[in-house]
């Protein structure tokens, strides 16, 4: 068999050729490689739905306005979401994970990950890859419409991708920074209403994932005419997309109501229009017990996230079905490296060593998680290191639980018996109390918990107005989303609030983004992780199991972590 020529390879590290990436469907084998690079591939063996299928084949089928009859059609899904209010619905500016989970229901992208783990076209009907992967030509479906009735054309794609990369609104520009600039005319070239060309500075196979609305909101296509008419602020509360549900009402803090988009361009595998539901109503319920009560009483059909404390109780209930999956995430205790006492690396490391992460996972998540000091999670199996030691393929032991070592470091730094304030978001309160008790027991610290809502916390953290806080990232399916976002350039990275970006770290962050050879990139990512652990930029503690719950009448739901998609869901009477 002849070997693939170098000019035909888009990614040596993934063994993916130009031909492998041709549309209109990227096969399951190639998609699994891309999902592996994105950290989602490890989920494939344990996922399923009621009939094993999403119901959509990506076909543009009928125009979506006829044929909405049959036993699957009708009803409104009532869903409870783990937020106080849905006040940031513009996908290009949203940072909170719980917002990102839902965007695929309101927005479309050029591509999407199907439930059979092929990567298929969404707004794209087909595509070709040229110039060794540096040029991608997309043909678009010709029957997609925004919720305001406007056609979706290549100019809308260009506008949206330009907005992601170059506008002050977006926080996701790093996901598409491989596009040539300026975006308009160089990175994204409109050839006609239904054809456009993407020009990349270098081959980057995972861009197909970043063009989806259900893995990365950077791929969500927004309506320019709606933004111009409504203004940015109103659009952020009631956006207009081209997804299966169109938002028709929004009482902030009470309910987000969406009706079926009857002109939705996708159909199920039999050519029947989607979605099956008449509507999707999302209720913000941040208080954990309120969400549990709502699902138990039947007030809602689905809860996006439940506390681990109720998981065993719900798992035994015949009235609900619990969905669980180790998510692509990490969590721990983040330090402001420029705030006393955590300017001193010894104090940060003392705090890290004082936390028994096995006990923390048991007491905080009741075992629904994995104790670990990694920034990369087990789902990203090609870069995750399970073992500890001094070899390159082992993690540093520096942050392993060691109360005596913690006390020695704290005494050396004069940091025993401190009084310090810990900032905490409400969902992290249980874990914060566990951390507080451990730090008090080992180091004698008296810790005041400063509980904040998310908007206030984001504002303070972005301005450096905190000392330390429990934090994490629930959607890091690709290592770059960790190292370039959570620990990327100061002032540019979405959530690098830790005031850590030394030159040797910065150089590695940029190099790994440009490296296509998997083994070489892995070595760089390990070196980044080693430095973060050894310098105690954070106390890295755990990876959580993602828990959601639904009523048995909710059928055809496919649980795959960060994608919560309802277009093929139906309600059984």
Protein backbone atom coordinates (compact mmCIF):
# COMPACT_ATOMS: atom_id res chain seq x y z
CA UNK A 1 0.00 0.00 0.00
CA UNK A 2 1.52 3.37 -0.96
CA UNK A 3 2.19 5.73 1.89
CA UNK A 4 0.34 9.01 2.13
CA UNK A 5 2.48 11.84 0.86
CA UNK A 6 3.48 14.60 3.23
CA UNK A 7 1.52 17.10 1.15
CA UNK A 8 -1.66 15.04 1.63
CA UNK A 9 -1.46 14.93 5.43
CA UNK A 10 -3.47 17.46 7.42
CA UNK A 11 -2.34 16.12 10.79
CA UNK A 12 0.52 13.70 11.31
CA UNK A 13 -0.25 13.49 15.02
CA UNK A 14 -3.76 12.19 14.24
CA UNK A 15 -2.83 10.32 11.01
CA UNK A 16 -5.51 12.24 9.15
CA UNK A 17 -5.26 12.98 5.44
CA UNK A 18 -6.94 15.62 3.30
CA UNK A 19 -9.21 12.92 1.87
CA UNK A 20 -10.27 11.84 5.37
CA UNK A 21 -11.70 15.32 5.99
CA UNK A 22 -13.74 15.64 2.80
CA UNK A 23 -17.49 16.22 3.23
CA UNK A 24 -20.38 15.76 3.48
CA UNK A 25 -19.71 13.36 6.37
CA UNK A 26 -16.43 12.66 8.13
CA UNK A 27 -16.54 8.97 8.96
CA UNK A 28 -16.69 7.59 12.47
CA UNK A 29 -13.04 6.48 12.48
CA UNK A 30 -11.77 9.95 11.60
CA UNK A 31 -14.29 11.68 13.85
CA UNK A 32 -13.16 9.54 16.76
CA UNK A 33 -9.60 10.71 16.12
CA UNK A 34 -10.78 14.31 16.15
CA UNK A 35 -12.87 13.65 19.24
CA UNK A 36 -9.85 12.02 20.83
CA UNK A 37 -7.87 15.17 20.11
CA UNK A 38 -10.77 17.06 21.62
CA UNK A 39 -10.99 14.70 24.59
CA UNK A 40 -14.52 13.51 23.84
CA UNK A 41 -13.52 10.26 22.18
CA UNK A 42 -13.14 8.40 25.46
CA UNK A 43 -16.87 8.74 26.00
CA UNK A 44 -17.94 6.86 22.90
CA UNK A 45 -18.05 3.37 24.34
CA UNK A 46 -20.44 4.19 27.15
CA UNK A 47 -22.99 6.43 25.48
CA UNK A 48 -26.45 5.56 24.30
CA UNK A 49 -30.01 6.72 23.75
CA UNK A 50 -33.36 5.04 23.77
CA UNK A 51 -33.11 4.00 20.13
CA UNK A 52 -29.38 4.44 19.72
CA UNK A 53 -29.74 7.31 17.29
CA UNK A 54 -30.03 11.04 17.30
CA UNK A 55 -32.64 10.71 14.60
CA UNK A 56 -30.95 13.22 12.32
CA UNK A 57 -28.82 12.35 9.34
CA UNK A 58 -27.86 15.93 8.65
CA UNK A 59 -30.13 15.94 5.60
CA UNK A 60 -31.70 19.17 4.48
CA UNK A 61 -34.73 17.03 3.57
CA UNK A 62 -37.99 18.93 3.52
CA UNK A 63 -38.37 22.60 4.25
CA UNK A 64 -39.45 21.76 7.81
CA UNK A 65 -42.81 23.51 7.49
CA UNK A 66 -44.90 20.42 6.65
CA UNK A 67 -45.32 16.94 8.01
CA UNK A 68 -45.21 17.76 11.71
CA UNK A 69 -47.61 15.00 12.66
CA UNK A 70 -47.23 11.59 14.22
CA UNK A 71 -46.84 10.01 17.63
CA UNK A 72 -43.49 11.65 18.34
CA UNK A 73 -44.68 15.18 17.68
CA UNK A 74 -46.02 17.60 20.25
CA UNK A 75 -45.52 18.61 23.84
CA UNK A 76 -43.16 21.04 25.50
CA UNK A 77 -40.07 19.87 27.34
CA UNK A 78 -39.65 21.51 30.74
CA UNK A 79 -35.98 21.73 31.76
CA UNK A 80 -34.30 23.10 34.89
CA UNK A 81 -30.86 24.68 34.50
CA UNK A 82 -28.17 25.19 37.12
CA UNK A 83 -28.01 28.99 36.91
CA UNK A 84 -29.61 31.87 38.80
CA UNK A 85 -30.65 33.51 35.54
CA UNK A 86 -30.01 33.03 31.85
CA UNK A 87 -28.47 36.44 31.30
CA UNK A 88 -25.68 35.62 28.85
CA UNK A 89 -27.13 33.82 25.83
CA UNK A 90 -24.91 35.29 23.14
CA UNK A 91 -22.74 32.24 22.35
CA UNK A 92 -19.74 34.33 21.39
CA UNK A 93 -19.56 36.09 24.74
CA UNK A 94 -20.77 33.40 27.15
CA UNK A 95 -18.14 32.01 29.52
CA UNK A 96 -20.21 30.03 32.03
CA UNK A 97 -20.28 26.32 31.21
CA UNK A 98 -23.97 25.87 31.88
CA UNK A 99 -24.78 28.41 29.15
CA UNK A 100 -22.56 26.64 26.63
CA UNK A 101 -24.36 23.33 27.24
CA UNK A 102 -27.59 24.59 25.71
CA UNK A 103 -26.49 26.61 22.68
CA UNK A 104 -26.90 23.79 20.14
CA UNK A 105 -30.65 24.02 20.65
CA UNK A 106 -30.83 27.63 19.46
CA UNK A 107 -27.89 27.88 17.04
CA UNK A 108 -26.44 25.99 14.10
CA UNK A 109 -22.83 25.70 12.98
CA UNK A 110 -21.08 24.69 9.80
CA UNK A 111 -20.54 21.23 11.28
CA UNK A 112 -21.79 19.13 14.17
CA UNK A 113 -21.01 15.88 15.95
CA UNK A 114 -23.78 13.37 15.36
CA UNK A 115 -24.83 10.84 17.96
CA UNK A 116 -23.36 7.97 15.94
CA UNK A 117 -20.01 9.77 16.27
CA UNK A 118 -19.64 10.87 12.71
CA UNK A 119 -18.83 14.51 12.12
CA UNK A 120 -21.40 15.79 9.67
CA UNK A 121 -22.49 18.97 8.03
CA UNK A 122 -25.01 21.18 9.75
CA UNK A 123 -25.24 24.39 7.73
CA UNK A 124 -22.64 22.86 5.41
CA UNK A 125 -23.98 20.40 2.83
CA UNK A 126 -20.50 19.40 1.67
CA UNK A 127 -16.88 20.55 1.77
CA UNK A 128 -13.51 19.93 0.20
CA UNK A 129 -10.05 20.33 1.69
CA UNK A 130 -7.19 21.74 -0.39
CA UNK A 131 -3.61 22.96 -0.06
CA UNK A 132 -2.66 20.24 2.39
CA UNK A 133 -5.38 21.32 4.80
CA UNK A 134 -4.85 25.08 4.70
CA UNK A 135 -7.97 25.72 2.60
CA UNK A 136 -11.48 24.40 3.26
CA UNK A 137 -14.29 25.14 0.79
CA UNK A 138 -17.79 24.77 2.23
CA UNK A 139 -21.01 24.43 0.24
CA UNK A 140 -24.02 25.46 2.33
CA UNK A 141 -27.55 24.11 2.55
CA UNK A 142 -29.94 26.41 0.72
CA UNK A 143 -32.97 26.02 2.99
CA UNK A 144 -31.65 27.22 6.36
CA UNK A 145 -33.34 30.24 7.89
CA UNK A 146 -32.81 32.29 11.00
CA UNK A 147 -35.64 32.49 13.48
CA UNK A 148 -36.55 35.95 12.13
CA UNK A 149 -37.13 34.51 8.65
CA UNK A 150 -33.87 35.64 7.05
CA UNK A 151 -31.98 33.13 4.92
CA UNK A 152 -28.66 31.87 6.23
CA UNK A 153 -26.00 32.66 3.63
CA UNK A 154 -22.23 32.64 3.36
CA UNK A 155 -22.13 36.29 4.44
CA UNK A 156 -23.71 35.31 7.77
CA UNK A 157 -20.98 32.70 8.28
CA UNK A 158 -18.31 35.28 7.48
CA UNK A 159 -19.87 37.82 9.83
CA UNK A 160 -20.11 35.30 12.68
CA UNK A 161 -16.56 33.98 12.40
CA UNK A 162 -15.21 37.51 12.07
CA UNK A 163 -17.17 38.48 15.20
CA UNK A 164 -15.65 35.57 17.13
CA UNK A 165 -12.06 36.41 16.21
CA UNK A 166 -11.95 40.19 15.89
CA UNK A 167 -14.75 41.78 17.95
CA UNK A 168 -14.46 42.94 21.54
CA UNK A 169 -17.66 41.02 22.32
CA UNK A 170 -16.22 37.54 21.86
CA UNK A 171 -14.28 35.53 24.45
CA UNK A 172 -13.66 32.57 22.11
CA UNK A 173 -11.34 34.07 19.52
CA UNK A 174 -8.51 31.71 20.44
CA UNK A 175 -10.49 28.74 19.09
CA UNK A 176 -10.44 30.20 15.56
CA UNK A 177 -7.17 32.11 15.70
CA UNK A 178 -5.74 29.76 13.06
CA UNK A 179 -7.80 31.62 10.42
CA UNK A 180 -5.83 34.03 8.26
CA UNK A 181 -6.37 37.70 9.03
CA UNK A 182 -8.12 39.90 8.34
CA UNK A 183 -11.01 37.45 8.56
CA UNK A 184 -13.18 39.29 6.02
CA UNK A 185 -11.59 38.78 2.63
CA UNK A 186 -8.64 36.68 3.82
CA UNK A 187 -9.61 34.15 6.50
CA UNK A 188 -13.20 33.73 5.29
CA UNK A 189 -13.88 34.42 1.61
CA UNK A 190 -17.49 34.53 0.36
CA UNK A 191 -17.60 33.01 -3.14
CA UNK A 192 -21.39 33.17 -3.55
CA UNK A 193 -24.49 33.00 -1.34
CA UNK A 194 -23.97 29.32 -0.58
CA UNK A 195 -20.23 28.81 -0.87
CA UNK A 196 -17.34 30.12 1.21
CA UNK A 197 -13.66 29.44 1.61
CA UNK A 198 -11.71 29.26 4.87
CA UNK A 199 -8.00 30.01 4.63
CA UNK A 200 -5.86 28.81 7.54
CA UNK A 201 -2.40 29.97 8.48
CA UNK A 202 -1.49 26.31 8.94
CA UNK A 203 -3.28 22.94 8.77
CA UNK A 204 -5.38 22.41 11.87
CA UNK A 205 -7.62 19.34 11.73
CA UNK A 206 -9.53 20.06 14.99
CA UNK A 207 -10.98 23.23 13.44
CA UNK A 208 -13.93 21.07 12.36
CA UNK A 209 -14.76 20.66 16.05
CA UNK A 210 -14.42 24.39 16.67
CA UNK A 211 -16.93 25.09 13.88
CA UNK A 212 -19.70 23.25 15.75
CA UNK A 213 -22.20 24.91 18.08
CA UNK A 214 -22.29 21.88 20.37
CA UNK A 215 -18.58 21.36 21.14
CA UNK A 216 -17.35 24.95 20.90
CA UNK A 217 -19.70 27.97 20.84
CA UNK A 218 -17.14 29.65 18.58
CA UNK A 219 -18.91 27.82 15.73
CA UNK A 220 -22.39 29.19 16.48
CA UNK A 221 -23.73 31.28 13.59
CA UNK A 222 -25.53 34.44 14.69
CA UNK A 223 -27.89 36.78 12.84
CA UNK A 224 -26.27 40.09 11.92
CA UNK A 225 -29.60 41.71 11.05
CA UNK A 226 -31.02 40.73 14.45
CA UNK A 227 -27.99 42.12 16.27
CA UNK A 228 -28.16 45.36 14.27
CA UNK A 229 -31.88 45.72 14.97
CA UNK A 230 -31.92 44.62 18.62
CA UNK A 231 -28.54 45.83 19.81
CA UNK A 232 -25.95 43.74 21.62
CA UNK A 233 -27.60 43.92 25.05
CA UNK A 234 -31.04 42.74 23.95
CA UNK A 235 -29.53 40.08 21.69
CA UNK A 236 -27.64 38.72 24.68
CA UNK A 237 -30.96 38.00 26.41
CA UNK A 238 -33.10 36.81 23.48
CA UNK A 239 -30.77 35.86 20.62
CA UNK A 240 -31.75 34.85 17.10
CA UNK A 241 -30.11 31.77 15.64
CA UNK A 242 -31.07 29.07 13.14
CA UNK A 243 -31.22 26.06 15.46
CA UNK A 244 -34.19 23.76 16.11
CA UNK A 245 -35.78 26.04 18.72
CA UNK A 246 -36.47 29.77 18.47
CA UNK A 247 -36.65 31.87 21.61
CA UNK A 248 -40.05 33.55 21.90
CA UNK A 249 -40.04 34.83 25.47
CA UNK A 250 -37.64 35.44 28.30
CA UNK A 251 -38.54 36.43 31.82
CA UNK A 252 -35.11 36.94 33.32
CA UNK A 253 -34.67 34.69 36.34
CA UNK A 254 -37.95 32.88 35.67
CA UNK A 255 -38.17 31.14 32.28
CA UNK A 256 -36.66 31.05 28.81
CA UNK A 257 -39.35 29.93 26.40
CA UNK A 258 -38.66 28.62 22.89
CA UNK A 259 -40.97 27.22 20.22
CA UNK A 260 -40.10 24.70 17.55
CA UNK A 261 -38.44 26.39 14.58
CA UNK A 262 -40.79 25.00 11.92
CA UNK A 263 -38.41 26.12 9.16
CA UNK A 264 -35.49 24.20 10.69
CA UNK A 265 -33.36 22.76 7.91
CA UNK A 266 -32.59 19.32 9.36
CA UNK A 267 -34.78 16.22 9.30
CA UNK A 268 -34.65 12.81 10.92
CA UNK A 269 -33.33 9.78 9.03
CA UNK A 270 -36.77 9.20 7.47
CA UNK A 271 -37.03 12.75 6.18
CA UNK A 272 -39.44 13.89 8.89
CA UNK A 273 -39.00 17.46 10.14
CA UNK A 274 -37.24 18.19 13.40
CA UNK A 275 -37.66 19.04 16.19
CA UNK A 276 -40.36 16.67 17.43
CA UNK A 277 -41.23 18.88 20.38
CA UNK A 278 -43.52 21.89 20.11
CA UNK A 279 -41.30 23.80 22.47
CA UNK A 280 -38.50 23.92 25.03
CA UNK A 281 -38.96 25.85 28.27
CA UNK A 282 -35.89 26.32 30.46
CA UNK A 283 -36.25 27.33 34.09
CA UNK A 284 -33.19 28.70 35.92
CA UNK A 285 -32.92 26.94 39.29
CA UNK A 286 -29.56 27.43 40.95
CA UNK A 287 -30.57 26.06 44.36
CA UNK A 288 -29.76 22.32 44.25
CA UNK A 289 -32.69 21.07 46.31
CA UNK A 290 -35.10 23.07 44.17
CA UNK A 291 -33.88 21.23 41.06
CA UNK A 292 -34.20 17.86 42.78
CA UNK A 293 -37.71 18.65 44.00
CA UNK A 294 -38.73 19.87 40.55
CA UNK A 295 -37.72 16.62 38.84
CA UNK A 296 -39.18 14.40 41.58
CA UNK A 297 -42.56 16.10 41.49
CA UNK A 298 -42.70 16.17 37.70
CA UNK A 299 -42.59 19.96 37.52
CA UNK A 300 -39.77 19.51 35.00
CA UNK A 301 -38.81 16.68 32.66
CA UNK A 302 -35.06 17.24 32.75
CA UNK A 303 -32.41 18.71 35.05
CA UNK A 304 -29.07 19.72 33.53
CA UNK A 305 -27.03 19.17 36.68
CA UNK A 306 -27.80 17.67 40.07
CA UNK A 307 -25.76 17.70 43.27
CA UNK A 308 -23.93 14.50 44.13
CA UNK A 309 -25.61 14.50 47.54
CA UNK A 310 -28.90 13.51 45.88
CA UNK A 311 -27.49 11.14 43.26
CA UNK A 312 -27.97 7.88 45.20
CA UNK A 313 -31.48 8.88 46.19
CA UNK A 314 -32.43 9.70 42.61
CA UNK A 315 -30.77 6.60 41.20
CA UNK A 316 -33.07 4.42 43.30
CA UNK A 317 -36.22 6.33 42.36
CA UNK A 318 -38.50 4.72 39.73
CA UNK A 319 -39.77 8.20 38.85
CA UNK A 320 -36.52 9.41 37.30
CA UNK A 321 -33.52 8.15 35.34
CA UNK A 322 -30.04 9.28 36.37
CA UNK A 323 -27.43 9.98 33.68
CA UNK A 324 -23.78 9.97 34.78
CA UNK A 325 -20.50 10.38 32.94
CA UNK A 326 -16.97 11.38 33.95
CA UNK A 327 -16.73 14.73 32.26
CA UNK A 328 -13.88 16.45 30.41
CA UNK A 329 -13.09 18.73 33.34
CA UNK A 330 -10.75 19.59 36.18
CA UNK A 331 -11.20 21.41 39.47
CA UNK A 332 -9.26 22.67 42.43
CA UNK A 333 -8.23 25.75 44.36
CA UNK A 334 -7.04 28.70 42.29
CA UNK A 335 -4.61 31.22 43.79
CA UNK A 336 -4.14 34.86 42.86
CA UNK A 337 -0.36 34.65 42.47
CA UNK A 338 -0.05 38.42 43.05
CA UNK A 339 -2.14 38.58 46.24
CA UNK A 340 -0.70 37.99 49.71
CA UNK A 341 -0.03 35.44 51.10
CA UNK A 342 -0.02 33.54 47.79
CA UNK A 343 2.77 35.53 46.17
CA UNK A 344 4.95 33.00 48.00
CA UNK A 345 5.14 29.66 46.19
CA UNK A 346 5.75 27.92 49.53
CA UNK A 347 2.38 29.09 50.84
CA UNK A 348 0.58 27.92 47.70
CA UNK A 349 2.27 24.53 47.89
CA UNK A 350 1.49 24.24 51.60
CA UNK A 351 -2.20 24.72 50.81
CA UNK A 352 -2.03 22.13 48.02
CA UNK A 353 -0.35 19.54 50.25
CA UNK A 354 -2.85 20.18 53.06
CA UNK A 355 -5.82 19.04 50.96
CA UNK A 356 -6.62 15.33 51.02
CA UNK A 357 -8.12 15.08 47.56
CA UNK A 358 -9.42 11.52 48.04
CA UNK A 359 -11.37 12.66 51.10
CA UNK A 360 -12.35 15.86 49.31
CA UNK A 361 -13.98 13.91 46.45
CA UNK A 362 -15.78 11.66 48.92
CA UNK A 363 -17.12 14.50 51.09
CA UNK A 364 -17.86 16.98 48.30
CA UNK A 365 -19.12 14.69 45.52
CA UNK A 366 -19.89 11.54 47.57
CA UNK A 367 -17.48 9.63 45.38
CA UNK A 368 -18.87 10.89 42.05
CA UNK A 369 -15.47 12.02 40.84
CA UNK A 370 -11.80 11.12 40.60
CA UNK A 371 -9.11 12.47 42.93
CA UNK A 372 -6.22 13.75 40.86
CA UNK A 373 -3.66 16.55 40.68
CA UNK A 374 -3.76 16.79 36.87
CA UNK A 375 -4.90 19.67 34.70
CA UNK A 376 -5.65 17.16 31.93
CA UNK A 377 -8.49 14.74 32.55
CA UNK A 378 -8.68 10.97 31.89
CA UNK A 379 -11.05 11.55 28.98
CA UNK A 380 -8.13 13.08 27.05
CA UNK A 381 -6.36 9.75 27.16
CA UNK A 382 -3.52 10.61 24.77
CA UNK A 383 -2.12 13.29 27.10
CA UNK A 384 -3.40 12.18 30.52
CA UNK A 385 -0.81 10.72 32.91
CA UNK A 386 -2.13 8.37 35.56
CA UNK A 387 1.11 7.57 37.37
CA UNK A 388 3.27 9.75 39.63
CA UNK A 389 7.04 9.88 39.53
CA UNK A 390 10.05 11.56 37.93
CA UNK A 391 9.78 10.09 34.42
CA UNK A 392 8.45 12.25 31.59
CA UNK A 393 5.29 10.17 31.35
CA UNK A 394 4.61 10.55 35.08
CA UNK A 395 3.15 13.50 36.99
CA UNK A 396 5.15 15.34 39.64
CA UNK A 397 4.39 14.20 43.18
CA UNK A 398 4.65 17.72 44.63
CA UNK A 399 0.93 18.22 45.29
CA UNK A 400 0.13 14.82 46.77
CA UNK A 401 -1.48 14.96 50.22
CA UNK A 402 1.29 15.51 52.77
CA UNK A 403 0.15 17.32 55.95
CA UNK A 404 3.60 17.26 57.55
CA UNK A 405 5.18 18.66 54.40
CA UNK A 406 2.46 21.32 54.28
CA UNK A 407 3.22 22.41 57.84
CA UNK A 408 6.97 22.55 57.19
CA UNK A 409 6.47 24.83 54.17
CA UNK A 410 3.98 27.05 56.00
CA UNK A 411 6.25 27.40 59.03
CA UNK A 412 9.22 28.22 56.80
CA UNK A 413 7.16 30.92 55.06
CA UNK A 414 5.67 32.24 58.31
CA UNK A 415 2.22 31.27 57.10
CA UNK A 416 0.77 29.19 59.95
CA UNK A 417 -2.44 30.40 61.63
CA UNK A 418 -3.33 32.92 58.92
CA UNK A 419 -6.61 34.79 58.57
CA UNK A 420 -7.63 34.85 54.91
CA UNK A 421 -10.75 35.27 52.78
CA UNK A 422 -11.81 32.65 50.25
CA UNK A 423 -14.06 33.82 47.41
CA UNK A 424 -16.66 31.23 46.45
CA UNK A 425 -19.51 30.86 43.97
CA UNK A 426 -22.68 29.29 45.33
CA UNK A 427 -22.31 25.96 43.46
CA UNK A 428 -18.82 25.57 44.95
CA UNK A 429 -19.93 26.22 48.54
CA UNK A 430 -19.96 22.59 49.69
CA UNK A 431 -16.44 22.03 48.39
CA UNK A 432 -15.26 25.35 49.85
CA UNK A 433 -16.36 24.26 53.31
CA UNK A 434 -14.50 20.96 52.95
CA UNK A 435 -11.34 22.82 51.86
CA UNK A 436 -11.71 25.31 54.71
CA UNK A 437 -11.88 22.52 57.27
CA UNK A 438 -8.79 20.79 55.85
CA UNK A 439 -6.74 23.99 55.73
CA UNK A 440 -7.82 24.91 59.25
CA UNK A 441 -6.96 21.47 60.61
CA UNK A 442 -3.50 21.25 59.02
CA UNK A 443 -2.36 24.89 58.84
CA UNK A 444 -4.51 26.58 61.47
CA UNK A 445 -5.96 28.99 58.91
CA UNK A 446 -9.09 30.92 59.81
CA UNK A 447 -10.94 31.29 56.52
CA UNK A 448 -13.89 33.58 55.86
CA UNK A 449 -16.05 32.46 52.93
CA UNK A 450 -17.08 35.38 50.70
CA UNK A 451 -20.01 33.95 48.74
CA UNK A 452 -20.80 35.72 45.45
CA UNK A 453 -23.14 35.28 42.51
CA UNK A 454 -21.48 34.48 39.19
CA UNK A 455 -21.66 37.95 37.58
CA UNK A 456 -20.04 39.57 40.62
CA UNK A 457 -17.43 36.83 40.90
CA UNK A 458 -16.50 37.09 37.22
CA UNK A 459 -16.10 40.86 37.53
CA UNK A 460 -13.97 40.66 40.66
CA UNK A 461 -11.83 37.80 39.41
CA UNK A 462 -11.16 39.51 36.08
CA UNK A 463 -9.94 42.57 38.00
CA UNK A 464 -7.80 40.53 40.40
CA UNK A 465 -10.01 41.34 43.40
CA UNK A 466 -9.74 38.00 45.17
CA UNK A 467 -7.16 36.02 47.11
CA UNK A 468 -8.05 32.41 46.36
CA UNK A 469 -11.13 30.45 45.37
CA UNK A 470 -12.41 26.99 44.44
CA UNK A 471 -12.76 26.87 40.67
CA UNK A 472 -12.61 24.59 37.69
CA UNK A 473 -13.45 24.17 34.04
CA UNK A 474 -16.26 21.80 33.13
CA UNK A 475 -15.62 21.69 29.39
CA UNK A 476 -11.96 21.17 28.52
CA UNK A 477 -12.17 18.45 25.86
CA UNK A 478 -8.98 19.72 24.18
CA UNK A 479 -5.80 20.49 26.14
CA UNK A 480 -5.43 23.85 24.45
CA UNK A 481 -8.73 24.95 26.00
CA UNK A 482 -6.98 24.59 29.35
CA UNK A 483 -3.52 25.94 28.70
CA UNK A 484 -4.55 28.79 26.37
CA UNK A 485 -7.72 29.81 28.20
CA UNK A 486 -7.31 29.08 31.89
CA UNK A 487 -3.54 29.62 31.84
CA UNK A 488 -3.06 31.67 28.67
CA UNK A 489 -1.96 35.26 27.95
CA UNK A 490 -2.90 37.71 30.69
CA UNK A 491 -5.60 40.13 29.60
CA UNK A 492 -6.45 37.96 26.57
CA UNK A 493 -7.23 34.50 27.91
CA UNK A 494 -10.84 34.11 28.95
CA UNK A 495 -10.20 32.93 32.51
CA UNK A 496 -6.53 33.33 33.40
CA UNK A 497 -7.27 35.21 36.61
CA UNK A 498 -4.29 33.74 38.43
CA UNK A 499 -1.65 36.30 37.34
CA UNK A 500 0.66 33.58 36.14
CA UNK A 501 2.21 33.76 32.66
CA UNK A 502 6.02 33.69 32.87
CA UNK A 503 8.07 33.64 29.68
CA UNK A 504 8.99 29.94 29.80
CA UNK A 505 5.31 29.02 30.22
CA UNK A 506 4.15 31.47 27.53
CA UNK A 507 6.59 30.06 24.99
CA UNK A 508 5.36 26.51 25.54
CA UNK A 509 1.69 27.55 25.34
CA UNK A 510 2.26 29.09 21.92
CA UNK A 511 4.47 26.26 20.64
CA UNK A 512 2.00 23.50 21.49
CA UNK A 513 -0.73 25.29 19.51
CA UNK A 514 1.39 25.12 16.37
CA UNK A 515 2.71 21.57 16.78
CA UNK A 516 0.89 18.95 14.68
CA UNK A 517 2.96 15.96 15.71
CA UNK A 518 1.10 14.39 18.62
CA UNK A 519 4.13 13.01 20.41
CA UNK A 520 6.00 16.31 20.23
CA UNK A 521 2.95 18.25 21.36
CA UNK A 522 2.36 15.83 24.21
CA UNK A 523 5.86 16.48 25.55
CA UNK A 524 5.16 20.23 25.52
CA UNK A 525 1.82 19.78 27.27
CA UNK A 526 3.44 17.61 29.93
CA UNK A 527 6.09 20.26 30.53
CA UNK A 528 3.36 22.89 30.93
CA UNK A 529 1.54 20.66 33.42
CA UNK A 530 4.76 19.94 35.33
CA UNK A 531 5.41 23.66 35.81
CA UNK A 532 1.82 24.37 36.92
CA UNK A 533 1.98 21.57 39.50
CA UNK A 534 5.52 22.25 40.74
CA UNK A 535 4.94 25.99 41.05
CA UNK A 536 1.55 25.43 42.71
CA UNK A 537 -0.21 27.95 40.49
CA UNK A 538 -3.31 26.06 41.60
CA UNK A 539 -3.96 23.25 44.00
CA UNK A 540 -5.24 20.69 41.49
CA UNK A 541 -7.68 18.33 43.17
CA UNK A 542 -10.22 16.42 41.07
CA UNK A 543 -12.28 15.57 37.99
CA UNK A 544 -16.05 15.44 38.44
CA UNK A 545 -18.69 13.05 37.17
CA UNK A 546 -21.34 14.98 35.25
CA UNK A 547 -24.79 14.11 36.60
CA UNK A 548 -28.10 14.93 34.98
CA UNK A 549 -31.54 13.42 35.45
CA UNK A 550 -34.71 13.03 33.37
CA UNK A 551 -38.23 11.72 33.71
CA UNK A 552 -38.84 8.34 31.99
CA UNK A 553 -41.34 9.94 29.60
CA UNK A 554 -38.49 11.93 28.02
CA UNK A 555 -37.32 9.69 25.20
CA UNK A 556 -34.50 9.64 22.68
CA UNK A 557 -32.16 11.77 24.79
CA UNK A 558 -28.48 11.14 24.15
CA UNK A 559 -26.26 12.03 27.12
CA UNK A 560 -22.76 12.99 26.09
CA UNK A 561 -21.55 15.44 28.67
CA UNK A 562 -21.14 18.97 27.33
CA UNK A 563 -23.65 18.50 24.48
CA UNK A 564 -27.25 18.74 25.67
CA UNK A 565 -29.35 18.53 22.51
CA UNK A 566 -33.13 18.18 22.42
CA UNK A 567 -34.13 18.35 18.75
CA UNK A 568 -34.79 14.58 18.60
CA UNK A 569 -36.30 14.26 22.07
CA UNK A 570 -39.97 13.36 22.30
CA UNK A 571 -42.36 12.97 25.22
CA UNK A 572 -44.17 9.69 25.68
CA UNK A 573 -47.62 9.94 27.22
